Amino acid sequence: MDKLKKAELMEKIVHELEDLRNSQQAVIQKLGKIEVDNIDLGNKRLEKDLPEMHQRVADNLDNIASILADFANETDDFNSKNNIQALKEQEAINNI
């Protein structure tokens, strides 16, 4: 795989990880709303299971955030070391 294609794939993965992080944040918010609504309702199953679910999703979110930070740094380093911006500019010139 050439450097430009690798950089594009890495950037795509960064965006997908960002989407995944955002999705997990939305799940946490929804779980929180259900937990709050259940305060009045008092459903025993929800009282029992929701906190555990919330914690597992929060743990996943922490892992995703860590992976995203590391991979974004790796992507930036790759782009800098391989002068990807110049390669993109050259490709644009070649395609004219």
N, C-alpha and C. Protein backbone atom coordinates (compact mmCIF):
# COMPACT_ATOMS: atom_id res chain seq x y z
N MET A 1 0.85 -1.17 0.00
CA MET A 1 0.00 0.00 0.00
C MET A 1 0.90 1.24 0.00
N ASP A 2 0.61 2.17 -0.90
CA ASP A 2 1.44 3.36 -0.94
C ASP A 2 1.10 4.29 0.22
N LYS A 3 1.98 5.24 0.46
CA LYS A 3 1.87 6.09 1.64
C LYS A 3 0.59 6.91 1.64
N LEU A 4 0.20 7.44 0.50
CA LEU A 4 -1.00 8.26 0.43
C LEU A 4 -2.25 7.43 0.73
N LYS A 5 -2.33 6.24 0.18
CA LYS A 5 -3.48 5.37 0.46
C LYS A 5 -3.51 4.94 1.92
N LYS A 6 -2.35 4.69 2.49
CA LYS A 6 -2.28 4.32 3.90
C LYS A 6 -2.75 5.48 4.77
N ALA A 7 -2.31 6.69 4.44
CA ALA A 7 -2.73 7.87 5.20
C ALA A 7 -4.24 8.06 5.11
N GLU A 8 -4.80 7.88 3.93
CA GLU A 8 -6.24 8.03 3.75
C GLU A 8 -7.01 6.98 4.57
N LEU A 9 -6.51 5.76 4.58
CA LEU A 9 -7.15 4.71 5.37
C LEU A 9 -7.05 5.01 6.86
N MET A 10 -5.90 5.49 7.29
CA MET A 10 -5.73 5.84 8.71
C MET A 10 -6.70 6.96 9.09
N GLU A 11 -6.84 7.96 8.23
CA GLU A 11 -7.76 9.06 8.52
C GLU A 11 -9.20 8.57 8.57
N LYS A 12 -9.54 7.64 7.69
CA LYS A 12 -10.88 7.05 7.69
C LYS A 12 -11.14 6.34 9.02
N ILE A 13 -10.16 5.60 9.50
CA ILE A 13 -10.31 4.89 10.77
C ILE A 13 -10.46 5.87 11.92
N VAL A 14 -9.71 6.97 11.90
CA VAL A 14 -9.86 7.99 12.94
C VAL A 14 -11.30 8.49 12.96
N HIS A 15 -11.87 8.78 11.80
CA HIS A 15 -13.25 9.27 11.73
C HIS A 15 -14.24 8.21 12.22
N GLU A 16 -13.99 6.95 11.88
CA GLU A 16 -14.86 5.87 12.35
C GLU A 16 -14.78 5.71 13.86
N LEU A 17 -13.59 5.85 14.42
CA LEU A 17 -13.45 5.80 15.88
C LEU A 17 -14.16 6.97 16.54
N GLU A 18 -14.09 8.15 15.92
CA GLU A 18 -14.82 9.31 16.45
C GLU A 18 -16.32 9.05 16.43
N ASP A 19 -16.82 8.47 15.34
CA ASP A 19 -18.24 8.12 15.26
C ASP A 19 -18.61 7.11 16.34
N LEU A 20 -17.76 6.12 16.54
CA LEU A 20 -18.00 5.11 17.56
C LEU A 20 -18.04 5.74 18.95
N ARG A 21 -17.11 6.65 19.21
CA ARG A 21 -17.09 7.36 20.50
C ARG A 21 -18.40 8.13 20.69
N ASN A 22 -18.83 8.84 19.65
CA ASN A 22 -20.06 9.62 19.74
C ASN A 22 -21.27 8.72 19.97
N SER A 23 -21.28 7.57 19.32
CA SER A 23 -22.38 6.62 19.51
C SER A 23 -22.42 6.10 20.95
N GLN A 24 -21.27 5.80 21.49
CA GLN A 24 -21.21 5.32 22.88
C GLN A 24 -21.66 6.41 23.85
N GLN A 25 -21.30 7.66 23.56
CA GLN A 25 -21.75 8.76 24.42
C GLN A 25 -23.28 8.87 24.38
N ALA A 26 -23.85 8.67 23.20
CA ALA A 26 -25.31 8.72 23.07
C ALA A 26 -25.96 7.58 23.85
N VAL A 27 -25.36 6.40 23.83
CA VAL A 27 -25.89 5.27 24.58
C VAL A 27 -25.85 5.57 26.08
N ILE A 28 -24.76 6.16 26.54
CA ILE A 28 -24.65 6.51 27.96
C ILE A 28 -25.74 7.52 28.34
N GLN A 29 -25.97 8.50 27.49
CA GLN A 29 -27.02 9.49 27.77
C GLN A 29 -28.39 8.83 27.84
N LYS A 30 -28.66 7.93 26.91
CA LYS A 30 -29.96 7.23 26.90
C LYS A 30 -30.12 6.37 28.15
N LEU A 31 -29.07 5.67 28.54
CA LEU A 31 -29.14 4.87 29.76
C LEU A 31 -29.40 5.76 30.97
N GLY A 32 -28.73 6.90 31.01
CA GLY A 32 -28.93 7.84 32.12
C GLY A 32 -30.37 8.33 32.19
N LYS A 33 -30.95 8.64 31.04
CA LYS A 33 -32.35 9.08 31.01
C LYS A 33 -33.29 7.99 31.51
N ILE A 34 -33.02 6.77 31.09
CA ILE A 34 -33.86 5.65 31.55
C ILE A 34 -33.72 5.47 33.05
N GLU A 35 -32.48 5.59 33.56
CA GLU A 35 -32.27 5.46 35.01
C GLU A 35 -33.04 6.54 35.77
N VAL A 36 -33.00 7.76 35.26
CA VAL A 36 -33.72 8.86 35.92
C VAL A 36 -35.23 8.60 35.88
N ASP A 37 -35.72 8.20 34.70
CA ASP A 37 -37.16 7.91 34.59
C ASP A 37 -37.57 6.78 35.51
N ASN A 38 -36.70 5.84 35.72
CA ASN A 38 -37.04 4.70 36.57
C ASN A 38 -37.04 5.06 38.05
N ILE A 39 -36.50 6.19 38.42
CA ILE A 39 -36.55 6.60 39.82
C ILE A 39 -38.00 6.68 40.27
N ASP A 40 -38.85 7.26 39.42
CA ASP A 40 -40.28 7.36 39.75
C ASP A 40 -40.99 6.03 39.56
N LEU A 41 -40.58 5.29 38.54
CA LEU A 41 -41.25 4.03 38.23
C LEU A 41 -40.90 2.93 39.22
N GLY A 42 -39.62 2.80 39.54
CA GLY A 42 -39.19 1.82 40.53
C GLY A 42 -39.17 0.38 40.04
N ASN A 43 -38.95 0.17 38.76
CA ASN A 43 -38.88 -1.19 38.23
C ASN A 43 -37.61 -1.86 38.74
N LYS A 44 -37.79 -3.01 39.38
CA LYS A 44 -36.65 -3.71 40.02
C LYS A 44 -35.62 -4.19 39.01
N ARG A 45 -36.08 -4.70 37.88
CA ARG A 45 -35.13 -5.20 36.86
C ARG A 45 -34.27 -4.06 36.34
N LEU A 46 -34.90 -2.92 36.06
CA LEU A 46 -34.13 -1.76 35.59
C LEU A 46 -33.16 -1.27 36.66
N GLU A 47 -33.63 -1.23 37.91
CA GLU A 47 -32.76 -0.81 39.02
C GLU A 47 -31.53 -1.71 39.13
N LYS A 48 -31.74 -2.99 38.88
CA LYS A 48 -30.66 -3.97 39.01
C LYS A 48 -29.69 -3.90 37.83
N ASP A 49 -30.23 -3.88 36.61
CA ASP A 49 -29.38 -4.06 35.43
C ASP A 49 -28.81 -2.78 34.83
N LEU A 50 -29.54 -1.68 34.91
CA LEU A 50 -29.07 -0.46 34.25
C LEU A 50 -27.73 0.07 34.76
N PRO A 51 -27.49 0.08 36.07
CA PRO A 51 -26.18 0.58 36.52
C PRO A 51 -25.01 -0.24 35.97
N GLU A 52 -25.19 -1.56 35.90
CA GLU A 52 -24.14 -2.41 35.34
C GLU A 52 -23.94 -2.13 33.85
N MET A 53 -25.05 -1.98 33.13
CA MET A 53 -24.96 -1.66 31.71
C MET A 53 -24.27 -0.32 31.51
N HIS A 54 -24.67 0.64 32.31
CA HIS A 54 -24.08 1.98 32.23
C HIS A 54 -22.56 1.89 32.43
N GLN A 55 -22.13 1.13 33.41
CA GLN A 55 -20.70 1.01 33.71
C GLN A 55 -19.95 0.34 32.56
N ARG A 56 -20.53 -0.71 31.99
CA ARG A 56 -19.87 -1.40 30.87
C ARG A 56 -19.73 -0.48 29.67
N VAL A 57 -20.78 0.28 29.37
CA VAL A 57 -20.71 1.21 28.24
C VAL A 57 -19.69 2.31 28.53
N ALA A 58 -19.66 2.79 29.77
CA ALA A 58 -18.68 3.82 30.15
C ALA A 58 -17.25 3.29 30.02
N ASP A 59 -17.04 2.04 30.41
CA ASP A 59 -15.72 1.42 30.26
C ASP A 59 -15.35 1.31 28.78
N ASN A 60 -16.30 0.91 27.94
CA ASN A 60 -16.05 0.84 26.50
C ASN A 60 -15.72 2.22 25.95
N LEU A 61 -16.44 3.23 26.41
CA LEU A 61 -16.17 4.59 25.95
C LEU A 61 -14.75 5.01 26.32
N ASP A 62 -14.31 4.68 27.52
CA ASP A 62 -12.94 5.00 27.94
C ASP A 62 -11.93 4.30 27.04
N ASN A 63 -12.17 3.04 26.72
CA ASN A 63 -11.27 2.29 25.83
C ASN A 63 -11.24 2.90 24.44
N ILE A 64 -12.41 3.24 23.92
CA ILE A 64 -12.48 3.84 22.59
C ILE A 64 -11.74 5.17 22.57
N ALA A 65 -11.94 5.98 23.60
CA ALA A 65 -11.26 7.28 23.66
C ALA A 65 -9.75 7.11 23.70
N SER A 66 -9.27 6.12 24.44
CA SER A 66 -7.84 5.86 24.52
C SER A 66 -7.29 5.40 23.17
N ILE A 67 -7.99 4.47 22.54
CA ILE A 67 -7.57 3.98 21.22
C ILE A 67 -7.58 5.13 20.22
N LEU A 68 -8.62 5.93 20.25
CA LEU A 68 -8.72 7.06 19.33
C LEU A 68 -7.56 8.03 19.51
N ALA A 69 -7.25 8.38 20.74
CA ALA A 69 -6.14 9.31 20.99
C ALA A 69 -4.82 8.74 20.48
N ASP A 70 -4.56 7.48 20.79
CA ASP A 70 -3.32 6.86 20.33
C ASP A 70 -3.26 6.77 18.81
N PHE A 71 -4.36 6.33 18.20
CA PHE A 71 -4.36 6.15 16.75
C PHE A 71 -4.31 7.48 16.02
N ALA A 72 -4.98 8.51 16.56
CA ALA A 72 -4.92 9.84 15.95
C ALA A 72 -3.49 10.38 16.00
N ASN A 73 -2.80 10.16 17.11
CA ASN A 73 -1.39 10.58 17.21
C ASN A 73 -0.53 9.82 16.22
N GLU A 74 -0.76 8.52 16.10
CA GLU A 74 -0.01 7.71 15.15
C GLU A 74 -0.26 8.19 13.72
N THR A 75 -1.50 8.52 13.41
CA THR A 75 -1.85 9.03 12.09
C THR A 75 -1.16 10.37 11.82
N ASP A 76 -1.19 11.26 12.79
CA ASP A 76 -0.52 12.56 12.64
C ASP A 76 0.99 12.38 12.43
N ASP A 77 1.58 11.49 13.21
CA ASP A 77 3.02 11.22 13.07
C ASP A 77 3.33 10.67 11.68
N PHE A 78 2.52 9.73 11.22
CA PHE A 78 2.73 9.15 9.89
C PHE A 78 2.62 10.24 8.82
N ASN A 79 1.59 11.07 8.94
CA ASN A 79 1.40 12.14 7.97
C ASN A 79 2.57 13.11 7.96
N SER A 80 3.07 13.45 9.12
CA SER A 80 4.22 14.37 9.21
C SER A 80 5.50 13.75 8.65
N LYS A 81 5.78 12.53 9.06
CA LYS A 81 7.01 11.87 8.63
C LYS A 81 7.04 11.62 7.13
N ASN A 82 5.87 11.43 6.54
CA ASN A 82 5.81 11.10 5.12
C ASN A 82 5.33 12.25 4.24
N ASN A 83 5.24 13.43 4.83
CA ASN A 83 4.85 14.64 4.10
C ASN A 83 3.61 14.38 3.25
N ILE A 84 2.57 13.88 3.89
CA ILE A 84 1.35 13.48 3.20
C ILE A 84 0.66 14.67 2.54
N GLN A 85 0.72 15.83 3.16
CA GLN A 85 0.09 17.01 2.56
C GLN A 85 0.69 17.30 1.19
N ALA A 86 2.01 17.21 1.07
CA ALA A 86 2.66 17.44 -0.22
C ALA A 86 2.28 16.37 -1.23
N LEU A 87 2.15 15.12 -0.76
CA LEU A 87 1.73 14.05 -1.66
C LEU A 87 0.31 14.28 -2.17
N LYS A 88 -0.58 14.78 -1.30
CA LYS A 88 -1.95 15.08 -1.72
C LYS A 88 -1.96 16.21 -2.75
N GLU A 89 -1.15 17.21 -2.50
CA GLU A 89 -1.07 18.33 -3.44
C GLU A 89 -0.53 17.88 -4.80
N GLN A 90 0.49 17.03 -4.78
CA GLN A 90 1.05 16.52 -6.02
C GLN A 90 0.04 15.66 -6.77
N GLU A 91 -0.71 14.85 -6.03
CA GLU A 91 -1.73 14.02 -6.67
C GLU A 91 -2.80 14.90 -7.32
N ALA A 92 -3.19 15.98 -6.64
CA ALA A 92 -4.19 16.88 -7.19
C ALA A 92 -3.67 17.52 -8.48
N ILE A 93 -2.41 17.90 -8.50
CA ILE A 93 -1.80 18.48 -9.70
C ILE A 93 -1.79 17.47 -10.82
N ASN A 94 -1.41 16.23 -10.50
CA ASN A 94 -1.34 15.17 -11.51
C ASN A 94 -2.71 14.85 -12.11
N ASN A 95 -3.76 15.04 -11.32
CA ASN A 95 -5.10 14.70 -11.77
C ASN A 95 -5.76 15.83 -12.58
N ILE A 96 -5.08 16.94 -12.70
CA ILE A 96 -5.65 18.06 -13.48
C ILE A 96 -5.56 17.80 -14.94
